[in-house]
All heavy atoms as atom14 arrays in JSON, in Angstrom:
{
  "sequence": "GIPYRYFDAANWRVQLYGNYEKPYGSFAWLEQPDLRKAYATLPTK",
  "atom14_mask": [
    [1, 1, 1, 1, 0, 0, 0, 0, 0, 0, 0, 0, 0, 0],
    [1, 1, 1, 1, 1, 1, 1, 1, 0, 0, 0, 0, 0, 0],
    [1, 1, 1, 1, 1, 1, 1, 0, 0, 0, 0, 0, 0, 0],
    [1, 1, 1, 1, 1, 1, 1, 1, 1, 1, 1, 1, 0, 0],
    [1, 1, 1, 1, 1, 1, 1, 1, 1, 1, 1, 0, 0, 0],
    [1, 1, 1, 1, 1, 1, 1, 1, 1, 1, 1, 1, 0, 0],
    [1, 1, 1, 1, 1, 1, 1, 1, 1, 1, 1, 0, 0, 0],
    [1, 1, 1, 1, 1, 1, 1, 1, 0, 0, 0, 0, 0, 0],
    [1, 1, 1, 1, 1, 0, 0, 0, 0, 0, 0, 0, 0, 0],
    [1, 1, 1, 1, 1, 0, 0, 0, 0, 0, 0, 0, 0, 0],
    [1, 1, 1, 1, 1, 1, 1, 1, 0, 0, 0, 0, 0, 0],
    [1, 1, 1, 1, 1, 1, 1, 1, 1, 1, 1, 1, 1, 1],
    [1, 1, 1, 1, 1, 1, 1, 1, 1, 1, 1, 0, 0, 0],
    [1, 1, 1, 1, 1, 1, 1, 0, 0, 0, 0, 0, 0, 0],
    [1, 1, 1, 1, 1, 1, 1, 1, 1, 0, 0, 0, 0, 0],
    [1, 1, 1, 1, 1, 1, 1, 1, 0, 0, 0, 0, 0, 0],
    [1, 1, 1, 1, 1, 1, 1, 1, 1, 1, 1, 1, 0, 0],
    [1, 1, 1, 1, 0, 0, 0, 0, 0, 0, 0, 0, 0, 0],
    [1, 1, 1, 1, 1, 1, 1, 1, 0, 0, 0, 0, 0, 0],
    [1, 1, 1, 1, 1, 1, 1, 1, 1, 1, 1, 1, 0, 0],
    [1, 1, 1, 1, 1, 1, 1, 1, 1, 0, 0, 0, 0, 0],
    [1, 1, 1, 1, 1, 1, 1, 1, 1, 0, 0, 0, 0, 0],
    [1, 1, 1, 1, 1, 1, 1, 0, 0, 0, 0, 0, 0, 0],
    [1, 1, 1, 1, 1, 1, 1, 1, 1, 1, 1, 1, 0, 0],
    [1, 1, 1, 1, 0, 0, 0, 0, 0, 0, 0, 0, 0, 0],
    [1, 1, 1, 1, 1, 1, 0, 0, 0, 0, 0, 0, 0, 0],
    [1, 1, 1, 1, 1, 1, 1, 1, 1, 1, 1, 0, 0, 0],
    [1, 1, 1, 1, 1, 0, 0, 0, 0, 0, 0, 0, 0, 0],
    [1, 1, 1, 1, 1, 1, 1, 1, 1, 1, 1, 1, 1, 1],
    [1, 1, 1, 1, 1, 1, 1, 1, 0, 0, 0, 0, 0, 0],
    [1, 1, 1, 1, 1, 1, 1, 1, 1, 0, 0, 0, 0, 0],
    [1, 1, 1, 1, 1, 1, 1, 1, 1, 0, 0, 0, 0, 0],
    [1, 1, 1, 1, 1, 1, 1, 0, 0, 0, 0, 0, 0, 0],
    [1, 1, 1, 1, 1, 1, 1, 1, 0, 0, 0, 0, 0, 0],
    [1, 1, 1, 1, 1, 1, 1, 1, 0, 0, 0, 0, 0, 0],
    [1, 1, 1, 1, 1, 1, 1, 1, 1, 1, 1, 0, 0, 0],
    [1, 1, 1, 1, 1, 1, 1, 1, 1, 0, 0, 0, 0, 0],
    [1, 1, 1, 1, 1, 0, 0, 0, 0, 0, 0, 0, 0, 0],
    [1, 1, 1, 1, 1, 1, 1, 1, 1, 1, 1, 1, 0, 0],
    [1, 1, 1, 1, 1, 0, 0, 0, 0, 0, 0, 0, 0, 0],
    [1, 1, 1, 1, 1, 1, 1, 0, 0, 0, 0, 0, 0, 0],
    [1, 1, 1, 1, 1, 1, 1, 1, 0, 0, 0, 0, 0, 0],
    [1, 1, 1, 1, 1, 1, 1, 0, 0, 0, 0, 0, 0, 0],
    [1, 1, 1, 1, 1, 1, 1, 0, 0, 0, 0, 0, 0, 0],
    [1, 1, 1, 1, 1, 1, 1, 1, 1, 0, 0, 0, 0, 0]
  ],
  "atom14_positions": [
    [[0.82, -1.21, 0.0], [0.0, 0.0, 0.0], [0.85, 1.26, 0.0], [2.0, 1.27, -0.46], [0.0, 0.0, 0.0], [0.0, 0.0, 0.0], [0.0, 0.0, 0.0], [0.0, 0.0, 0.0], [0.0, 0.0, 0.0], [0.0, 0.0, 0.0], [0.0, 0.0, 0.0], [0.0, 0.0, 0.0], [0.0, 0.0, 0.0], [0.0, 0.0, 0.0]],
    [[0.3, 2.33, 0.52], [1.0, 3.61, 0.56], [2.19, 3.49, 1.52], [2.02, 3.03, 2.66], [0.05, 4.72, 1.03], [-1.09, 4.89, 0.02], [0.8, 6.04, 1.22], [-2.21, 5.79, 0.48], [0.0, 0.0, 0.0], [0.0, 0.0, 0.0], [0.0, 0.0, 0.0], [0.0, 0.0, 0.0], [0.0, 0.0, 0.0], [0.0, 0.0, 0.0]],
    [[3.38, 3.9, 1.11], [4.53, 3.81, 1.99], [4.32, 4.59, 3.3], [3.71, 5.66, 3.32], [5.67, 4.43, 1.17], [5.26, 4.18, -0.25], [3.77, 4.36, -0.24], [0.0, 0.0, 0.0], [0.0, 0.0, 0.0], [0.0, 0.0, 0.0], [0.0, 0.0, 0.0], [0.0, 0.0, 0.0], [0.0, 0.0, 0.0], [0.0, 0.0, 0.0]],
    [[4.85, 4.04, 4.35], [4.71, 4.61, 5.7], [5.13, 6.08, 5.74], [4.51, 6.88, 6.43], [5.54, 3.77, 6.67], [5.52, 4.26, 8.09], [4.41, 4.04, 8.89], [6.61, 4.93, 8.62], [4.38, 4.49, 10.21], [6.59, 5.38, 9.93], [5.48, 5.16, 10.71], [5.46, 5.61, 12.01], [0.0, 0.0, 0.0], [0.0, 0.0, 0.0]],
    [[6.15, 6.45, 5.02], [6.69, 7.81, 5.09], [5.67, 8.87, 4.67], [5.83, 10.05, 4.98], [7.96, 7.93, 4.25], [7.74, 7.79, 2.76], [9.08, 7.88, 2.01], [8.91, 7.59, 0.61], [8.93, 6.38, 0.07], [9.13, 5.32, 0.84], [8.76, 6.21, -1.22], [0.0, 0.0, 0.0], [0.0, 0.0, 0.0], [0.0, 0.0, 0.0]],
    [[4.62, 8.5, 3.98], [3.61, 9.46, 3.54], [2.56, 9.75, 4.61], [1.75, 10.66, 4.44], [2.93, 8.99, 2.26], [3.84, 9.06, 1.07], [4.4, 7.9, 0.54], [4.16, 10.27, 0.47], [5.24, 7.95, -0.55], [5.0, 10.33, -0.62], [5.54, 9.17, -1.13], [6.37, 9.23, -2.21], [0.0, 0.0, 0.0], [0.0, 0.0, 0.0]],
    [[2.54, 8.99, 5.69], [1.55, 9.21, 6.75], [2.12, 10.19, 7.77], [2.79, 9.81, 8.72], [1.15, 7.88, 7.4], [0.33, 7.03, 6.49], [0.93, 6.1, 5.65], [-1.05, 7.18, 6.45], [0.17, 5.33, 4.79], [-1.82, 6.41, 5.59], [-1.21, 5.48, 4.76], [0.0, 0.0, 0.0], [0.0, 0.0, 0.0], [0.0, 0.0, 0.0]],
    [[1.82, 11.46, 7.58], [2.29, 12.53, 8.45], [1.63, 12.4, 9.82], [0.41, 12.35, 9.94], [1.92, 13.87, 7.81], [2.4, 15.07, 8.59], [2.97, 14.92, 9.68], [2.2, 16.2, 8.09], [0.0, 0.0, 0.0], [0.0, 0.0, 0.0], [0.0, 0.0, 0.0], [0.0, 0.0, 0.0], [0.0, 0.0, 0.0], [0.0, 0.0, 0.0]],
    [[2.44, 12.35, 10.86], [1.94, 12.18, 12.23], [1.0, 13.31, 12.64], [0.15, 13.12, 13.51], [3.1, 12.06, 13.21], [0.0, 0.0, 0.0], [0.0, 0.0, 0.0], [0.0, 0.0, 0.0], [0.0, 0.0, 0.0], [0.0, 0.0, 0.0], [0.0, 0.0, 0.0], [0.0, 0.0, 0.0], [0.0, 0.0, 0.0], [0.0, 0.0, 0.0]],
    [[1.11, 14.47, 12.02], [0.21, 15.58, 12.34], [-1.2, 15.33, 11.82], [-2.16, 15.92, 12.32], [0.76, 16.88, 11.75], [0.0, 0.0, 0.0], [0.0, 0.0, 0.0], [0.0, 0.0, 0.0], [0.0, 0.0, 0.0], [0.0, 0.0, 0.0], [0.0, 0.0, 0.0], [0.0, 0.0, 0.0], [0.0, 0.0, 0.0], [0.0, 0.0, 0.0]],
    [[-1.33, 14.46, 10.83], [-2.63, 14.21, 10.21], [-3.17, 12.8, 10.43], [-4.35, 12.56, 10.19], [-2.55, 14.44, 8.7], [-2.17, 15.86, 8.37], [-2.62, 16.8, 9.0], [-1.31, 16.03, 7.38], [0.0, 0.0, 0.0], [0.0, 0.0, 0.0], [0.0, 0.0, 0.0], [0.0, 0.0, 0.0], [0.0, 0.0, 0.0], [0.0, 0.0, 0.0]],
    [[-2.31, 11.88, 10.87], [-2.71, 10.48, 10.99], [-2.36, 9.92, 12.37], [-1.3, 10.2, 12.9], [-2.0, 9.63, 9.92], [-2.51, 9.9, 8.56], [-1.99, 10.79, 7.66], [-3.65, 9.32, 7.95], [-2.74, 10.78, 6.52], [-3.77, 9.88, 6.66], [-4.57, 8.37, 8.34], [-4.78, 9.54, 5.78], [-5.59, 8.01, 7.46], [-5.68, 8.6, 6.2]],
    [[-3.25, 9.12, 12.91], [-2.98, 8.37, 14.13], [-2.69, 6.94, 13.69], [-3.59, 6.16, 13.41], [-4.19, 8.4, 15.07], [-3.94, 7.72, 16.39], [-5.14, 7.86, 17.31], [-6.35, 7.34, 16.7], [-6.82, 6.1, 16.86], [-6.16, 5.25, 17.61], [-7.93, 5.72, 16.28], [0.0, 0.0, 0.0], [0.0, 0.0, 0.0], [0.0, 0.0, 0.0]],
    [[-1.43, 6.63, 13.61], [-1.0, 5.32, 13.12], [-1.01, 4.31, 14.25], [-0.49, 4.58, 15.34], [0.42, 5.41, 12.49], [0.94, 4.03, 12.12], [0.41, 6.33, 11.28], [0.0, 0.0, 0.0], [0.0, 0.0, 0.0], [0.0, 0.0, 0.0], [0.0, 0.0, 0.0], [0.0, 0.0, 0.0], [0.0, 0.0, 0.0], [0.0, 0.0, 0.0]],
    [[-1.59, 3.15, 14.0], [-1.55, 2.03, 14.95], [-0.93, 0.85, 14.23], [-1.45, 0.42, 13.21], [-2.95, 1.66, 15.45], [-2.95, 0.47, 16.37], [-2.09, 0.66, 17.61], [-2.34, 1.54, 18.41], [-1.05, -0.13, 17.74], [0.0, 0.0, 0.0], [0.0, 0.0, 0.0], [0.0, 0.0, 0.0], [0.0, 0.0, 0.0], [0.0, 0.0, 0.0]],
    [[0.18, 0.37, 14.74], [0.87, -0.75, 14.13], [0.46, -2.05, 14.81], [0.3, -2.09, 16.03], [2.39, -0.55, 14.27], [2.94, 0.73, 13.64], [4.41, 0.89, 14.01], [2.74, 0.73, 12.15], [0.0, 0.0, 0.0], [0.0, 0.0, 0.0], [0.0, 0.0, 0.0], [0.0, 0.0, 0.0], [0.0, 0.0, 0.0], [0.0, 0.0, 0.0]],
    [[0.32, -3.09, 14.02], [-0.08, -4.41, 14.53], [0.94, -5.46, 14.12], [1.52, -5.39, 13.03], [-1.45, -4.81, 13.96], [-2.58, -3.98, 14.49], [-2.91, -2.77, 13.92], [-3.31, -4.42, 15.6], [-3.95, -2.0, 14.43], [-4.34, -3.67, 16.11], [-4.66, -2.45, 15.52], [-5.68, -1.7, 16.02], [0.0, 0.0, 0.0], [0.0, 0.0, 0.0]],
    [[1.15, -6.43, 14.98], [2.03, -7.54, 14.66], [3.49, -7.16, 14.67], [3.92, -6.34, 15.47], [0.0, 0.0, 0.0], [0.0, 0.0, 0.0], [0.0, 0.0, 0.0], [0.0, 0.0, 0.0], [0.0, 0.0, 0.0], [0.0, 0.0, 0.0], [0.0, 0.0, 0.0], [0.0, 0.0, 0.0], [0.0, 0.0, 0.0], [0.0, 0.0, 0.0]],
    [[4.24, -7.77, 13.78], [5.68, -7.52, 13.64], [5.98, -7.14, 12.21], [5.29, -7.56, 11.29], [6.47, -8.79, 13.97], [6.22, -9.26, 15.37], [6.39, -8.51, 16.33], [5.77, -10.49, 15.5], [0.0, 0.0, 0.0], [0.0, 0.0, 0.0], [0.0, 0.0, 0.0], [0.0, 0.0, 0.0], [0.0, 0.0, 0.0], [0.0, 0.0, 0.0]],
    [[7.04, -6.37, 12.03], [7.44, -6.04, 10.67], [8.4, -7.11, 10.16], [9.42, -7.37, 10.77], [8.12, -4.67, 10.59], [8.45, -4.3, 9.16], [7.47, -3.82, 8.33], [9.73, -4.5, 8.65], [7.75, -3.51, 7.01], [10.01, -4.2, 7.33], [9.02, -3.7, 6.52], [9.28, -3.41, 5.21], [0.0, 0.0, 0.0], [0.0, 0.0, 0.0]],
    [[8.05, -7.71, 9.07], [8.9, -8.7, 8.4], [9.19, -8.19, 7.0], [8.33, -7.61, 6.36], [8.18, -10.05, 8.31], [7.8, -10.66, 9.64], [8.99, -11.13, 10.44], [10.03, -11.48, 9.84], [8.89, -11.15, 11.68], [0.0, 0.0, 0.0], [0.0, 0.0, 0.0], [0.0, 0.0, 0.0], [0.0, 0.0, 0.0], [0.0, 0.0, 0.0]],
    [[10.4, -8.43, 6.55], [10.76, -8.03, 5.2], [9.84, -8.73, 4.2], [9.61, -9.94, 4.3], [12.21, -8.42, 4.91], [12.68, -8.06, 3.54], [14.12, -8.46, 3.32], [14.51, -8.16, 1.89], [15.89, -8.45, 1.62], [0.0, 0.0, 0.0], [0.0, 0.0, 0.0], [0.0, 0.0, 0.0], [0.0, 0.0, 0.0], [0.0, 0.0, 0.0]],
    [[9.3, -7.97, 3.24], [8.49, -8.62, 2.2], [9.33, -9.65, 1.45], [10.54, -9.52, 1.33], [8.1, -7.47, 1.28], [8.25, -6.24, 2.11], [9.38, -6.53, 3.06], [0.0, 0.0, 0.0], [0.0, 0.0, 0.0], [0.0, 0.0, 0.0], [0.0, 0.0, 0.0], [0.0, 0.0, 0.0], [0.0, 0.0, 0.0], [0.0, 0.0, 0.0]],
    [[8.69, -10.66, 0.94], [9.42, -11.75, 0.31], [9.11, -11.86, -1.18], [8.18, -11.24, -1.69], [9.11, -13.08, 1.01], [7.65, -13.45, 0.97], [7.13, -14.21, -0.06], [6.78, -12.99, 1.94], [5.79, -14.54, -0.12], [5.43, -13.31, 1.9], [4.95, -14.08, 0.87], [3.62, -14.39, 0.81], [0.0, 0.0, 0.0], [0.0, 0.0, 0.0]],
    [[9.91, -12.66, -1.86], [9.69, -12.94, -3.27], [9.71, -11.69, -4.13], [10.56, -10.81, -3.96], [0.0, 0.0, 0.0], [0.0, 0.0, 0.0], [0.0, 0.0, 0.0], [0.0, 0.0, 0.0], [0.0, 0.0, 0.0], [0.0, 0.0, 0.0], [0.0, 0.0, 0.0], [0.0, 0.0, 0.0], [0.0, 0.0, 0.0], [0.0, 0.0, 0.0]],
    [[8.76, -11.6, -5.03], [8.73, -10.47, -5.97], [8.35, -9.15, -5.28], [8.41, -8.1, -5.9], [7.76, -10.76, -7.11], [6.44, -10.93, -6.62], [0.0, 0.0, 0.0], [0.0, 0.0, 0.0], [0.0, 0.0, 0.0], [0.0, 0.0, 0.0], [0.0, 0.0, 0.0], [0.0, 0.0, 0.0], [0.0, 0.0, 0.0], [0.0, 0.0, 0.0]],
    [[7.98, -9.21, -4.0], [7.64, -7.99, -3.26], [8.8, -7.48, -2.41], [8.65, -6.51, -1.67], [6.42, -8.24, -2.37], [5.17, -8.52, -3.13], [4.73, -9.81, -3.3], [4.45, -7.48, -3.71], [3.58, -10.08, -4.01], [3.3, -7.73, -4.43], [2.86, -9.03, -4.59], [0.0, 0.0, 0.0], [0.0, 0.0, 0.0], [0.0, 0.0, 0.0]],
    [[9.95, -8.11, -2.48], [11.1, -7.74, -1.64], [11.5, -6.28, -1.82], [11.98, -5.65, -0.88], [12.28, -8.65, -1.92], [0.0, 0.0, 0.0], [0.0, 0.0, 0.0], [0.0, 0.0, 0.0], [0.0, 0.0, 0.0], [0.0, 0.0, 0.0], [0.0, 0.0, 0.0], [0.0, 0.0, 0.0], [0.0, 0.0, 0.0], [0.0, 0.0, 0.0]],
    [[11.27, -5.73, -3.0], [11.65, -4.34, -3.25], [10.78, -3.35, -2.48], [11.08, -2.16, -2.4], [11.6, -4.03, -4.75], [10.22, -4.08, -5.33], [9.55, -5.18, -5.78], [9.34, -2.98, -5.52], [8.31, -4.83, -6.23], [8.15, -3.48, -6.09], [9.44, -1.61, -5.28], [7.07, -2.67, -6.41], [8.35, -0.81, -5.6], [7.2, -1.33, -6.16]],
    [[9.71, -3.83, -1.85], [8.81, -2.96, -1.08], [9.24, -2.78, 0.37], [8.53, -2.16, 1.16], [7.39, -3.53, -1.11], [6.71, -3.54, -2.47], [5.38, -4.28, -2.39], [6.5, -2.14, -2.98], [0.0, 0.0, 0.0], [0.0, 0.0, 0.0], [0.0, 0.0, 0.0], [0.0, 0.0, 0.0], [0.0, 0.0, 0.0], [0.0, 0.0, 0.0]],
    [[10.41, -3.3, 0.73], [10.87, -3.14, 2.11], [10.93, -1.66, 2.47], [11.34, -0.82, 1.67], [12.24, -3.77, 2.3], [12.67, -3.73, 3.74], [13.92, -4.54, 4.0], [14.59, -4.96, 3.06], [14.22, -4.72, 5.19], [0.0, 0.0, 0.0], [0.0, 0.0, 0.0], [0.0, 0.0, 0.0], [0.0, 0.0, 0.0], [0.0, 0.0, 0.0]],
    [[10.49, -1.34, 3.69], [10.43, 0.04, 4.15], [11.24, 0.22, 5.43], [10.76, -0.08, 6.52], [8.98, 0.44, 4.42], [8.1, 0.37, 3.19], [6.7, 0.82, 3.51], [6.48, 1.91, 4.03], [5.74, -0.04, 3.22], [0.0, 0.0, 0.0], [0.0, 0.0, 0.0], [0.0, 0.0, 0.0], [0.0, 0.0, 0.0], [0.0, 0.0, 0.0]],
    [[12.47, 0.71, 5.32], [13.3, 0.89, 6.51], [12.65, 1.8, 7.56], [12.8, 1.57, 8.77], [14.59, 1.51, 5.97], [14.63, 1.07, 4.54], [13.2, 1.02, 4.09], [0.0, 0.0, 0.0], [0.0, 0.0, 0.0], [0.0, 0.0, 0.0], [0.0, 0.0, 0.0], [0.0, 0.0, 0.0], [0.0, 0.0, 0.0], [0.0, 0.0, 0.0]],
    [[11.93, 2.83, 7.14], [11.28, 3.72, 8.09], [10.16, 3.0, 8.84], [9.95, 3.23, 10.03], [10.77, 4.99, 7.42], [9.87, 4.73, 6.22], [9.9, 3.6, 5.66], [9.15, 5.65, 5.8], [0.0, 0.0, 0.0], [0.0, 0.0, 0.0], [0.0, 0.0, 0.0], [0.0, 0.0, 0.0], [0.0, 0.0, 0.0], [0.0, 0.0, 0.0]],
    [[9.46, 2.12, 8.18], [8.42, 1.34, 8.84], [9.04, 0.33, 9.81], [8.55, 0.13, 10.91], [7.55, 0.61, 7.8], [6.38, -0.19, 8.34], [5.47, 0.64, 9.22], [5.6, -0.81, 7.18], [0.0, 0.0, 0.0], [0.0, 0.0, 0.0], [0.0, 0.0, 0.0], [0.0, 0.0, 0.0], [0.0, 0.0, 0.0], [0.0, 0.0, 0.0]],
    [[10.14, -0.27, 9.42], [10.87, -1.18, 10.32], [11.29, -0.43, 11.59], [11.13, -0.92, 12.7], [12.1, -1.76, 9.63], [12.88, -2.72, 10.51], [14.1, -3.28, 9.83], [13.78, -4.06, 8.65], [13.29, -5.3, 8.65], [13.02, -5.89, 9.79], [13.05, -5.92, 7.53], [0.0, 0.0, 0.0], [0.0, 0.0, 0.0], [0.0, 0.0, 0.0]],
    [[11.79, 0.79, 11.43], [12.2, 1.6, 12.57], [10.99, 1.93, 13.46], [11.08, 1.89, 14.69], [12.86, 2.89, 12.1], [13.35, 3.76, 13.22], [14.03, 5.02, 12.72], [14.44, 5.89, 13.9], [15.06, 7.13, 13.46], [0.0, 0.0, 0.0], [0.0, 0.0, 0.0], [0.0, 0.0, 0.0], [0.0, 0.0, 0.0], [0.0, 0.0, 0.0]],
    [[9.84, 2.23, 12.84], [8.63, 2.53, 13.62], [8.24, 1.32, 14.46], [7.86, 1.45, 15.62], [7.5, 2.94, 12.69], [0.0, 0.0, 0.0], [0.0, 0.0, 0.0], [0.0, 0.0, 0.0], [0.0, 0.0, 0.0], [0.0, 0.0, 0.0], [0.0, 0.0, 0.0], [0.0, 0.0, 0.0], [0.0, 0.0, 0.0], [0.0, 0.0, 0.0]],
    [[8.31, 0.14, 13.88], [7.98, -1.09, 14.63], [8.95, -1.29, 15.8], [8.57, -1.86, 16.81], [7.99, -2.3, 13.71], [6.63, -2.62, 13.14], [6.24, -2.09, 11.92], [5.74, -3.42, 13.83], [4.98, -2.37, 11.39], [4.49, -3.72, 13.32], [4.12, -3.18, 12.1], [2.87, -3.45, 11.6], [0.0, 0.0, 0.0], [0.0, 0.0, 0.0]],
    [[10.18, -0.85, 15.65], [11.17, -1.03, 16.7], [11.02, 0.01, 17.81], [11.47, -0.22, 18.94], [12.58, -0.96, 16.11], [0.0, 0.0, 0.0], [0.0, 0.0, 0.0], [0.0, 0.0, 0.0], [0.0, 0.0, 0.0], [0.0, 0.0, 0.0], [0.0, 0.0, 0.0], [0.0, 0.0, 0.0], [0.0, 0.0, 0.0], [0.0, 0.0, 0.0]],
    [[10.4, 1.15, 17.52], [10.36, 2.24, 18.5], [8.97, 2.61, 18.99], [8.85, 3.19, 20.06], [11.03, 3.48, 17.91], [10.35, 3.87, 16.71], [12.5, 3.25, 17.61], [0.0, 0.0, 0.0], [0.0, 0.0, 0.0], [0.0, 0.0, 0.0], [0.0, 0.0, 0.0], [0.0, 0.0, 0.0], [0.0, 0.0, 0.0], [0.0, 0.0, 0.0]],
    [[7.93, 2.32, 18.23], [6.57, 2.68, 18.62], [5.84, 1.49, 19.23], [6.18, 0.35, 18.95], [5.79, 3.17, 17.4], [6.32, 4.43, 16.71], [5.5, 4.72, 15.46], [6.29, 5.62, 17.66], [0.0, 0.0, 0.0], [0.0, 0.0, 0.0], [0.0, 0.0, 0.0], [0.0, 0.0, 0.0], [0.0, 0.0, 0.0], [0.0, 0.0, 0.0]],
    [[4.82, 1.76, 20.05], [4.03, 0.64, 20.58], [3.26, -0.05, 19.47], [2.79, 0.6, 18.53], [3.08, 1.31, 21.58], [3.21, 2.76, 21.41], [4.38, 3.04, 20.54], [0.0, 0.0, 0.0], [0.0, 0.0, 0.0], [0.0, 0.0, 0.0], [0.0, 0.0, 0.0], [0.0, 0.0, 0.0], [0.0, 0.0, 0.0], [0.0, 0.0, 0.0]],
    [[3.13, -1.36, 19.59], [2.37, -2.14, 18.6], [1.35, -2.99, 19.34], [1.46, -3.23, 20.53], [3.29, -3.06, 17.77], [3.93, -3.98, 18.65], [4.34, -2.27, 17.02], [0.0, 0.0, 0.0], [0.0, 0.0, 0.0], [0.0, 0.0, 0.0], [0.0, 0.0, 0.0], [0.0, 0.0, 0.0], [0.0, 0.0, 0.0], [0.0, 0.0, 0.0]],
    [[0.36, -3.44, 18.59], [-0.64, -4.37, 19.13], [-0.44, -5.72, 18.47], [0.05, -5.78, 17.34], [-2.04, -3.84, 18.86], [-2.37, -2.58, 19.65], [-3.8, -2.2, 19.49], [-4.12, -0.99, 20.33], [-5.53, -0.63, 20.28], [0.0, 0.0, 0.0], [0.0, 0.0, 0.0], [0.0, 0.0, 0.0], [0.0, 0.0, 0.0], [0.0, 0.0, 0.0]]
  ]
}
């Protein structure tokens, strides 16, 4: 979907669920380092 970096915290209340895993196969190019960092630093459900 829309890359994490486009969700401005001033306009969006982001809630992360589960764990961030690198996309696999033909989707590997969709890896999002900023989203991985968010999972490591923000609360998740």
